Amino acid sequence: MDAVEEVLTASAGCGDIAVIAHGGVGTLLLCRLRGDPIGRQHDQPLNNGSNYFAFDAATRRVLHGWKAIDV
């Protein structure tokens, strides 16, 4: 979370930002943003491709959970 906070602070006002990481790292970030305890039930879904979630950079509020990137 510290690294993400650093990127968001340095990029304030620059528009949309993509943070690219392995699924496990994304799950940890998603759990932190939601205030959920770490758990496998929060992992990205098993599908044919990569997944993403979105959050508001200003409020750190999750806009939506995992979605397939190729849809």
C-alpha atoms as a PDB file:
ATOM      1  CA  MET A   1       0.000   0.000   0.000  1.00  0.00           C
ATOM      2  CA  ASP A   2       2.898   2.347   0.672  1.00  0.00           C
ATOM      3  CA  ALA A   3       4.108   2.009  -2.934  1.00  0.00           C
ATOM      4  CA  VAL A   4       0.614   2.613  -4.308  1.00  0.00           C
ATOM      5  CA  GLU A   5       0.205   5.672  -2.075  1.00  0.00           C
ATOM      6  CA  GLU A   6       3.544   7.006  -3.332  1.00  0.00           C
ATOM      7  CA  VAL A   7       2.485   6.588  -6.971  1.00  0.00           C
ATOM      8  CA  LEU A   8      -0.914   8.192  -6.357  1.00  0.00           C
ATOM      9  CA  THR A   9       0.633  11.154  -4.552  1.00  0.00           C
ATOM     10  CA  ALA A  10       3.269  11.703  -7.253  1.00  0.00           C
ATOM     11  CA  SER A  11       0.653  11.384 -10.010  1.00  0.00           C
ATOM     12  CA  ALA A  12      -2.093  13.542  -8.506  1.00  0.00           C
ATOM     13  CA  GLY A  13      -3.939  15.402 -11.243  1.00  0.00           C
ATOM     14  CA  CYS A  14      -2.371  13.366 -14.065  1.00  0.00           C
ATOM     15  CA  GLY A  15      -5.488  11.391 -14.976  1.00  0.00           C
ATOM     16  CA  ASP A  16      -6.062   7.652 -14.811  1.00  0.00           C
ATOM     17  CA  ILE A  17      -3.301   5.431 -13.444  1.00  0.00           C
ATOM     18  CA  ALA A  18      -2.791   1.711 -14.004  1.00  0.00           C
ATOM     19  CA  VAL A  19      -1.021  -0.348 -11.367  1.00  0.00           C
ATOM     20  CA  ILE A  20       0.148  -3.631 -12.870  1.00  0.00           C
ATOM     21  CA  ALA A  21       0.959  -6.571 -10.597  1.00  0.00           C
ATOM     22  CA  HIS A  22       0.471 -10.276 -10.087  1.00  0.00           C
ATOM     23  CA  GLY A  23      -2.975 -11.370  -8.932  1.00  0.00           C
ATOM     24  CA  GLY A  24      -1.892 -12.028  -5.356  1.00  0.00           C
ATOM     25  CA  VAL A  25      -0.582  -8.494  -4.990  1.00  0.00           C
ATOM     26  CA  GLY A  26      -3.790  -7.158  -6.507  1.00  0.00           C
ATOM     27  CA  THR A  27      -5.824  -9.200  -4.058  1.00  0.00           C
ATOM     28  CA  LEU A  28      -3.856  -7.783  -1.129  1.00  0.00           C
ATOM     29  CA  LEU A  29      -4.456  -4.251  -2.409  1.00  0.00           C
ATOM     30  CA  LEU A  30      -8.157  -4.902  -3.013  1.00  0.00           C
ATOM     31  CA  CYS A  31      -8.553  -6.311   0.508  1.00  0.00           C
ATOM     32  CA  ARG A  32      -6.789  -3.298   1.986  1.00  0.00           C
ATOM     33  CA  LEU A  33      -8.925  -0.822   0.060  1.00  0.00           C
ATOM     34  CA  ARG A  34     -12.136  -2.607   1.040  1.00  0.00           C
ATOM     35  CA  GLY A  35     -11.075  -3.094   4.636  1.00  0.00           C
ATOM     36  CA  ASP A  36     -11.508  -6.859   4.263  1.00  0.00           C
ATOM     37  CA  PRO A  37      -9.307  -9.412   5.992  1.00  0.00           C
ATOM     38  CA  ILE A  38      -6.887 -11.167   3.633  1.00  0.00           C
ATOM     39  CA  GLY A  39      -8.497 -14.298   2.241  1.00  0.00           C
ATOM     40  CA  ARG A  40      -8.461 -16.506  -0.839  1.00  0.00           C
ATOM     41  CA  GLN A  41     -12.135 -15.746  -1.440  1.00  0.00           C
ATOM     42  CA  HIS A  42     -11.012 -12.305  -2.634  1.00  0.00           C
ATOM     43  CA  ASP A  43      -8.657 -13.684  -5.332  1.00  0.00           C
ATOM     44  CA  GLN A  44      -9.326 -12.753  -8.928  1.00  0.00           C
ATOM     45  CA  PRO A  45     -11.655 -15.169 -10.727  1.00  0.00           C
ATOM     46  CA  LEU A  46     -10.268 -18.027 -12.777  1.00  0.00           C
ATOM     47  CA  ASN A  47     -10.876 -17.235 -16.439  1.00  0.00           C
ATOM     48  CA  ASN A  48      -8.987 -17.108 -19.727  1.00  0.00           C
ATOM     49  CA  GLY A  49      -7.192 -13.865 -19.096  1.00  0.00           C
ATOM     50  CA  SER A  50      -6.131 -11.174 -16.724  1.00  0.00           C
ATOM     51  CA  ASN A  51      -8.453  -9.253 -14.452  1.00  0.00           C
ATOM     52  CA  TYR A  52      -8.641  -5.762 -13.025  1.00  0.00           C
ATOM     53  CA  PHE A  53     -10.515  -3.763 -10.428  1.00  0.00           C
ATOM     54  CA  ALA A  54     -10.954  -0.016 -10.094  1.00  0.00           C
ATOM     55  CA  PHE A  55     -10.851   2.432  -7.236  1.00  0.00           C
ATOM     56  CA  ASP A  56     -11.139   6.169  -6.909  1.00  0.00           C
ATOM     57  CA  ALA A  57      -7.649   7.604  -6.397  1.00  0.00           C
ATOM     58  CA  ALA A  58      -8.878  10.556  -4.340  1.00  0.00           C
ATOM     59  CA  THR A  59     -11.073   8.649  -1.898  1.00  0.00           C
ATOM     60  CA  ARG A  60      -9.477   5.176  -2.167  1.00  0.00           C
ATOM     61  CA  ARG A  61     -13.025   3.812  -2.552  1.00  0.00           C
ATOM     62  CA  VAL A  62     -13.369   0.640  -4.627  1.00  0.00           C
ATOM     63  CA  LEU A  63     -15.547   1.349  -7.674  1.00  0.00           C
ATOM     64  CA  HIS A  64     -15.862  -2.303  -8.691  1.00  0.00           C
ATOM     65  CA  GLY A  65     -14.268  -5.637  -7.925  1.00  0.00           C
ATOM     66  CA  TRP A  66     -12.542  -8.018 -10.309  1.00  0.00           C
ATOM     67  CA  LYS A  67     -13.582  -7.932 -13.977  1.00  0.00           C
ATOM     68  CA  ALA A  68     -12.047  -9.749 -16.936  1.00  0.00           C
ATOM     69  CA  ILE A  69      -9.795  -7.380 -18.861  1.00  0.00           C
ATOM     70  CA  ASP A  70     -10.705  -8.922 -22.230  1.00  0.00           C
ATOM     71  CA  VAL A  71     -14.450  -8.285 -22.010  1.00  0.00           C
END
